[in-house]
Protein backbone atom coordinates (compact mmCIF):
# COMPACT_ATOMS: atom_id res chain seq x y z
CA THR A 1 -0.84 37.87 7.45
CA HIS A 2 -0.09 35.20 10.20
CA MET A 3 -2.22 34.38 12.87
CA ASP A 4 -1.45 35.72 16.17
CA GLU A 5 -4.00 35.12 19.12
CA GLY A 6 -7.96 35.25 19.63
CA MET A 7 -9.10 36.26 22.73
CA PHE A 8 -12.98 37.10 24.28
CA GLU A 9 -13.36 40.95 24.09
CA THR A 10 -16.36 40.71 26.11
CA ALA A 11 -18.36 37.72 27.75
CA TYR A 12 -20.68 38.83 30.49
CA VAL A 13 -24.43 38.14 31.99
CA ASP A 14 -26.96 40.47 32.29
CA ILE A 15 -29.50 40.43 35.13
CA LYS A 16 -31.72 43.59 34.15
CA ARG A 17 -34.78 42.63 36.72
CA LEU A 18 -33.77 42.42 40.41
CA PHE A 19 -35.86 42.32 43.76
CA VAL A 20 -35.95 45.88 43.62
CA LYS A 21 -36.94 48.07 40.78
CA GLY A 22 -34.35 49.75 38.95
CA LEU A 23 -32.03 47.31 40.22
CA SER A 24 -29.31 45.70 37.62
CA LEU A 25 -26.65 43.53 37.69
CA ARG A 26 -23.79 42.39 34.85
CA VAL A 27 -20.93 40.29 35.22
CA GLY A 28 -17.93 39.20 33.34
CA ARG A 29 -15.89 40.93 30.82
CA GLN A 30 -16.97 43.84 29.62
CA ASN A 31 -16.23 47.42 28.64
CA LEU A 32 -16.20 50.17 30.97
CA ILE A 33 -16.03 53.97 30.24
CA LYS A 34 -16.79 56.59 32.69
CA GLY A 35 -17.09 60.10 31.95
CA GLU A 36 -14.32 61.01 29.12
CA GLY A 37 -11.96 57.74 30.26
CA PHE A 38 -9.98 60.42 32.57
CA LEU A 39 -10.33 57.50 35.34
CA ILE A 40 -12.02 54.55 33.41
CA LEU A 41 -11.66 52.97 30.38
CA GLU A 42 -8.53 50.61 29.64
CA GLY A 43 -7.94 47.78 31.46
CA ASN A 44 -4.99 46.45 29.55
CA PRO A 45 -2.58 48.93 28.29
CA TRP A 46 0.04 46.59 27.05
CA ASP A 47 -1.91 44.57 24.58
CA GLY A 48 -2.46 48.43 22.44
CA SER A 49 -6.07 48.95 20.70
CA ARG A 50 -6.98 45.17 20.76
CA SER A 51 -9.06 45.60 23.65
CA ILE A 52 -10.18 47.80 26.69
CA TYR A 53 -11.98 45.17 28.50
CA HIS A 54 -12.62 44.72 32.19
CA ASN A 55 -12.98 41.36 34.44
CA ALA A 56 -15.70 42.78 36.57
CA ALA A 57 -19.04 43.23 38.33
CA VAL A 58 -21.41 46.13 38.12
CA LEU A 59 -24.43 46.43 40.57
CA GLY A 60 -26.49 49.41 39.28
CA TYR A 61 -29.46 51.14 40.81
CA GLU A 62 -31.40 53.47 38.82
CA ARG A 63 -34.12 56.08 39.46
CA GLY A 64 -35.04 58.72 37.09
CA LYS A 65 -32.36 60.34 35.68
CA ALA A 66 -29.75 59.29 38.80
CA LYS A 67 -28.07 56.22 38.85
CA LEU A 68 -25.70 54.89 41.07
CA GLU A 69 -22.76 51.83 40.47
CA LEU A 70 -21.04 49.53 42.52
CA ILE A 71 -17.84 48.28 40.68
CA GLY A 72 -15.71 45.24 41.42
CA ILE A 73 -12.77 44.99 39.11
CA PHE A 74 -9.48 42.21 39.04
CA ASP A 75 -7.61 42.37 36.05
CA PRO A 76 -4.62 40.17 35.89
CA ARG A 77 -1.18 40.82 34.65
CA MET A 78 -2.14 37.98 32.37
CA ASP A 79 -5.86 36.80 31.18
CA ARG A 80 -6.50 33.66 32.86
CA PHE A 81 -10.30 33.81 32.90
CA LEU A 82 -11.01 32.58 29.52
CA PRO A 83 -9.86 30.85 26.74
CA ARG A 84 -7.33 31.74 24.21
CA LEU A 85 -6.55 30.80 20.64
CA ASN A 86 -3.13 30.26 19.24
CA ASP A 87 -2.20 31.76 23.01
CA LYS A 88 0.94 33.52 23.01
CA ALA A 89 0.76 34.54 26.96
CA HIS A 90 0.67 38.38 26.26
CA GLN A 91 1.43 40.39 29.30
CA LEU A 92 -1.29 42.86 29.70
CA ILE A 93 0.05 45.13 32.27
CA GLU A 94 2.85 45.27 34.77
CA TRP A 95 1.35 43.83 37.73
CA ASN A 96 -2.20 42.54 38.87
CA GLU A 97 -4.98 44.93 39.27
CA SER A 98 -8.09 45.09 41.73
CA ALA A 99 -10.63 47.40 42.46
CA LEU A 100 -13.68 48.69 44.69
CA GLY A 101 -15.30 51.65 43.93
CA ALA A 102 -18.84 53.59 43.65
CA TYR A 103 -19.67 55.65 40.99
CA TYR A 104 -22.83 58.03 40.75
CA THR A 105 -24.21 59.77 37.75
CA ASP A 106 -27.03 62.49 38.05
CA ASN A 107 -28.75 63.95 34.91
CA ARG A 108 -31.90 65.79 36.68
CA PHE A 109 -30.72 69.22 36.15
CA LYS A 110 -31.61 70.36 32.75
CA LYS A 111 -28.22 72.58 31.96
CA THR A 112 -25.69 70.22 34.25
CA SER A 113 -24.53 66.94 34.63
CA LEU A 114 -22.84 65.64 37.83
CA GLU A 115 -20.65 62.74 38.28
CA ALA A 116 -18.75 61.56 41.79
CA TYR A 117 -16.89 58.44 42.50
CA LEU A 118 -14.82 57.09 45.31
CA PHE A 119 -12.24 53.97 44.58
CA TYR A 120 -9.64 51.80 46.04
CA LYS A 121 -7.31 49.82 44.17
CA ARG A 122 -4.31 47.54 44.63
CA GLU A 123 -1.79 46.94 42.38
CA PHE A 124 0.47 44.25 43.39
CA GLY A 125 2.62 41.24 41.86
CA ASP A 126 5.12 42.87 39.66
CA ILE A 127 7.29 40.24 38.52
CA ARG A 128 10.23 42.34 37.67
CA PRO A 129 13.77 42.50 39.60
CA GLN A 130 13.60 45.38 42.72
CA THR A 131 16.70 46.66 40.32
CA HIS A 132 14.84 47.40 37.45
CA ALA A 133 14.67 51.11 36.52
CA GLN A 134 10.62 50.80 36.47
CA TYR A 135 10.10 48.09 39.19
CA GLN A 136 7.20 49.29 41.63
CA ALA A 137 6.17 47.63 45.06
CA ASP A 138 2.72 46.65 46.12
CA ARG A 139 0.40 49.53 46.83
CA TYR A 140 -2.83 50.64 47.59
CA VAL A 141 -4.64 53.75 46.67
CA TYR A 142 -7.66 55.21 46.96
CA THR A 143 -9.17 57.88 44.56
CA ALA A 144 -12.00 60.44 45.47
CA GLY A 145 -13.71 63.08 42.71
CA GLY A 146 -15.74 64.48 40.44
CA ARG A 147 -16.91 65.65 37.12
CA THR A 148 -19.38 68.05 35.68
CA VAL A 149 -20.61 69.57 32.43
CA HIS A 150 -22.07 72.78 32.37
CA LYS A 151 -24.31 74.25 29.24
CA LEU A 152 -23.68 77.71 28.69
CA PRO A 153 -25.79 80.40 26.55
CA ASN A 154 -24.69 80.58 22.77
CA ALA A 155 -23.69 77.05 22.41
CA PHE A 156 -20.96 77.08 24.88
CA SER A 157 -20.59 74.77 27.51
CA LEU A 158 -18.03 74.27 30.49
CA THR A 159 -16.25 71.05 31.12
CA GLY A 160 -14.02 69.97 34.64
CA GLU A 161 -13.13 67.16 36.70
CA PHE A 162 -10.87 66.71 39.39
CA ALA A 163 -9.89 64.13 41.65
CA TRP A 164 -7.32 63.49 45.13
CA GLN A 165 -5.27 59.98 45.64
CA TRP A 166 -4.08 59.20 48.84
CA GLY A 167 -2.52 55.74 49.88
CA HIS A 168 0.58 53.54 50.86
CA GLN A 169 3.36 51.65 48.91
CA ARG A 170 5.34 49.15 50.48
CA PRO A 171 7.18 49.49 52.51
CA ASN A 172 7.04 52.75 53.79
CA ARG A 173 6.38 55.41 51.07
CA GLU A 174 2.58 57.64 51.35
CA ILE A 175 1.04 58.36 48.52
CA ARG A 176 -0.51 62.21 47.63
CA ALA A 177 -1.13 62.93 44.19
CA TRP A 178 -4.08 64.81 42.42
CA GLY A 179 -5.48 65.06 38.60
CA GLY A 180 -7.72 66.89 36.63
CA TYR A 181 -8.99 69.23 33.85
CA GLY A 182 -10.97 71.91 32.40
CA TYR A 183 -12.38 73.23 29.17
CA LEU A 184 -14.69 75.64 27.60
CA LYS A 185 -16.22 74.02 24.26
CA ARG A 186 -18.15 76.06 21.68
CA THR A 187 -20.22 74.15 19.13
CA PHE A 188 -20.81 75.52 15.36
CA GLY A 189 -23.29 75.04 12.67
CA ALA A 190 -26.74 74.37 12.15
CA GLN A 191 -26.76 70.77 13.74
CA LYS A 192 -23.66 71.56 16.17
CA ARG A 193 -21.23 69.24 13.72
CA HIS A 194 -18.25 71.43 14.38
CA TYR A 195 -16.65 72.44 17.72
CA ALA A 196 -13.71 74.08 19.09
CA THR A 197 -11.91 73.53 22.50
CA PHE A 198 -9.80 75.04 24.84
CA GLY A 199 -8.56 73.88 28.40
CA TYR A 200 -5.82 72.75 30.96
CA TRP A 201 -5.04 68.91 32.04
CA GLY A 202 -3.13 68.43 34.80
CA MET A 203 -2.24 65.30 36.48
CA SER A 204 0.69 65.96 39.81
CA GLY A 205 4.17 64.49 39.53
CA SER A 206 6.61 63.34 42.42
CA ASP A 207 8.83 65.97 43.86
CA PRO A 208 12.52 64.44 44.20
CA SER A 209 12.90 66.57 47.41
CA THR A 210 10.52 64.36 49.57
CA PRO A 211 11.58 60.34 48.28
CA ASN A 212 9.43 59.06 50.84
CA THR A 213 6.32 60.50 49.15
CA ILE A 214 4.81 59.35 45.85
CA GLY A 215 3.22 62.52 44.23
CA ASN A 216 2.84 61.09 40.88
CA TRP A 217 -0.89 60.85 39.72
CA ASP A 218 -1.80 57.08 39.19
CA PRO A 219 -4.29 56.71 36.11
CA LEU A 220 -5.70 53.87 37.79
CA PHE A 221 -8.02 52.41 34.63
CA SER A 222 -6.79 55.39 31.91
CA ARG A 223 -3.65 54.61 30.71
CA TRP A 224 -4.71 54.70 26.92
CA PRO A 225 -3.75 57.07 24.42
CA LYS A 226 -6.52 59.94 24.78
CA TRP A 227 -4.03 63.05 24.27
CA SER A 228 -1.48 61.41 21.64
CA GLU A 229 -0.89 58.12 20.25
CA GLY A 230 2.72 58.62 19.51
CA TYR A 231 3.67 60.31 23.01
CA ILE A 232 2.47 57.44 24.75
CA TYR A 233 5.46 55.16 24.07
CA THR A 234 7.99 58.24 25.59
CA GLN A 235 6.39 57.64 29.09
CA PHE A 236 7.70 54.10 28.73
CA LYS A 237 10.73 54.88 30.43
CA GLU A 238 9.20 57.23 33.22
CA VAL A 239 6.84 54.92 34.70
CA GLY A 240 5.13 52.73 31.70
CA VAL A 241 3.70 53.40 28.46
CA ALA A 242 0.57 55.61 28.32
CA TYR A 243 1.34 55.99 32.22
CA TRP A 244 -0.05 59.85 32.16
CA THR A 245 1.76 61.46 35.09
CA ASN A 246 3.94 64.41 36.04
CA THR A 247 1.98 66.27 33.33
CA GLY A 248 0.23 69.27 32.21
CA MET A 249 -1.32 70.09 28.86
CA TRP A 250 -2.92 73.39 27.53
CA GLN A 251 -4.47 72.23 24.79
CA GLY A 252 -6.35 73.96 21.77
CA GLU A 253 -8.60 72.08 19.25
CA ALA A 254 -10.74 72.09 16.44
CA VAL A 255 -13.35 69.60 14.44
CA TYR A 256 -14.76 70.65 11.41
CA VAL A 257 -17.48 68.32 9.25
CA PRO A 258 -17.69 69.26 5.77
CA TRP A 259 -19.88 66.06 5.35
CA LYS A 260 -21.72 64.09 7.41
CA PRO A 261 -19.56 61.11 7.39
CA LEU A 262 -16.04 62.99 7.25
CA SER A 263 -14.80 64.98 10.44
CA LEU A 264 -11.43 66.91 10.20
CA ARG A 265 -9.78 67.57 13.56
CA GLY A 266 -6.66 69.77 14.31
CA THR A 267 -4.78 69.88 18.00
CA VAL A 268 -2.18 71.82 19.52
CA TYR A 269 -0.32 70.88 22.91
CA GLN A 270 1.77 72.84 25.20
CA MET A 271 3.42 70.39 27.21
CA HIS A 272 5.23 70.43 30.76
CA ALA A 273 6.11 68.51 33.71
CA TYR A 274 5.92 69.35 37.24
CA HIS A 275 9.17 68.44 38.13
CA PRO A 276 12.19 67.13 36.21
CA TYR A 277 12.74 63.49 35.94
CA PRO A 278 15.46 62.08 37.88
CA GLY A 279 16.41 59.64 35.17
CA SER A 280 19.07 59.47 32.81
CA ARG A 281 21.03 62.51 31.63
CA GLN A 282 21.50 61.22 28.19
CA GLN A 283 17.41 61.06 27.57
CA TYR A 284 16.70 63.61 30.28
CA GLY A 285 17.40 67.23 30.95
CA ASN A 286 17.04 69.23 33.99
CA GLY A 287 13.78 71.33 32.99
CA THR A 288 10.34 70.68 33.15
CA GLY A 289 9.24 71.62 29.21
CA ARG A 290 8.17 68.40 27.41
CA GLY A 291 7.26 70.39 24.38
CA GLN A 292 4.83 71.11 21.64
CA GLU A 293 2.38 68.27 20.07
CA TYR A 294 0.78 69.00 16.94
CA GLN A 295 -1.95 66.45 15.66
CA LEU A 296 -4.06 66.01 12.23
CA ARG A 297 -6.88 63.58 12.46
CA ALA A 298 -9.34 62.36 9.49
CA ASP A 299 -11.84 60.21 10.39
CA LEU A 300 -14.36 58.52 7.46
CA THR A 301 -17.50 56.69 8.34
CA VAL A 302 -18.57 55.02 5.14
CA ASN A 303 -21.52 52.90 6.66
CA LYS A 304 -21.99 50.85 9.98
CA HIS A 305 -19.44 48.40 8.86
CA TRP A 306 -16.46 50.09 7.13
CA ARG A 307 -14.65 53.20 8.68
CA GLY A 308 -11.08 54.42 8.53
CA HIS A 309 -8.89 57.59 9.64
CA VAL A 310 -5.75 58.70 8.77
CA LEU A 311 -3.67 60.87 11.57
CA TYR A 312 -0.57 62.66 12.06
CA GLU A 313 1.21 63.51 14.91
CA SER A 314 4.64 65.70 15.30
CA HIS A 315 6.33 66.26 18.86
CA VAL A 316 9.01 68.89 19.62
CA PRO A 317 10.51 68.44 22.96
CA GLY A 318 11.16 70.78 25.47
CA SER A 319 14.06 71.16 28.02
CA PHE A 320 12.64 67.96 30.03
CA TYR A 321 14.05 66.13 27.41
CA ALA A 322 18.01 65.72 26.43
CA GLY A 323 17.53 65.16 23.16
CA LYS A 324 15.81 67.81 20.84
CA ASP A 325 15.16 66.09 17.63
CA PRO A 326 11.32 66.25 16.71
CA GLY A 327 9.62 63.16 16.44
CA PHE A 328 6.66 61.98 14.43
CA PHE A 329 3.90 59.50 14.28
CA PHE A 330 1.65 58.44 11.09
CA ARG A 331 -1.03 55.92 10.99
CA THR A 332 -4.29 54.83 8.32
CA GLU A 333 -6.26 52.27 9.24
CA VAL A 334 -9.32 50.77 7.70
CA SER A 335 -11.67 48.66 9.35
CA TYR A 336 -14.68 46.37 8.89
CA GLN A 337 -17.07 45.38 11.32
CA PHE A 338 -19.71 42.85 11.51
CA THR A 339 -22.27 42.17 14.23
CA GLY A 340 -24.67 38.91 15.07
CA GLN A 341 -27.33 38.07 17.47
CA VAL A 342 -28.63 35.19 18.70
CA ALA A 343 -31.53 34.92 20.16
CA PHE A 344 -32.95 32.58 22.92
């Protein structure tokens, strides 16, 4: 009922024909999603689900079913590139972020797809006082890794991704971290509408006994509610909202589609930390059990304009936390979307 702020979600230029066949260039504000968003998806975690854009340039070369992309990103702490309506000076992230990287995708093989990447990222300009519990000094971090999906007999598939991180944070702290996952998926039904998955996700944590080495996985551009809409707000007191780190999760999930427009999903997580969190003992315990997460979701797509969902999540805390009261998150949402094109 009140006007908040209007902004540009996307505004870019596509150059699809350059001096070499298969070469393309996209420059401007754009949405970047790689793999299933483990490394790159969200450029502005503080604005919630309003936008996921990056200010970026992507130079791509495609040959057959293989593609190499060179990516440059600059996402400032507050938007300063494009005009805004009713500007509220919203903060988009705790610090400025810039990155250079290469991302390779290969789908030439019949049963296996491959992805590989290397990124260099700077995080700088945190304006919070150094006494703030979540203050982060300027840092740079390298990330190298890959992802693969392999089709197995009887409608099974196996997916895995793993990455190493190394770098430096001022004045004298080294970064040594890792992150990855693996899961087995089985599809069901004549049109493979239904599926079930089981797997494990892990993002390393810092060992309190080695304070000069940062072992926390840096989620780069993937601070979004991939695994939970509600749990991300508990992470605010550790590093930041939706900052997935020092976390391991066993996951079981099933999706049933009784009718093409309707999808029903149930998910269970057994969550843990690799190290206890050295924070306030009023909030955190001495253990590593983050607890159990239970989720139910229904999605309805009426047509290309109307869609909606209902989501319920419940979390039962473990020994990682001092408090033992369970919490829940509930949301119902209806959205209307329209698009248009202007030809030149």
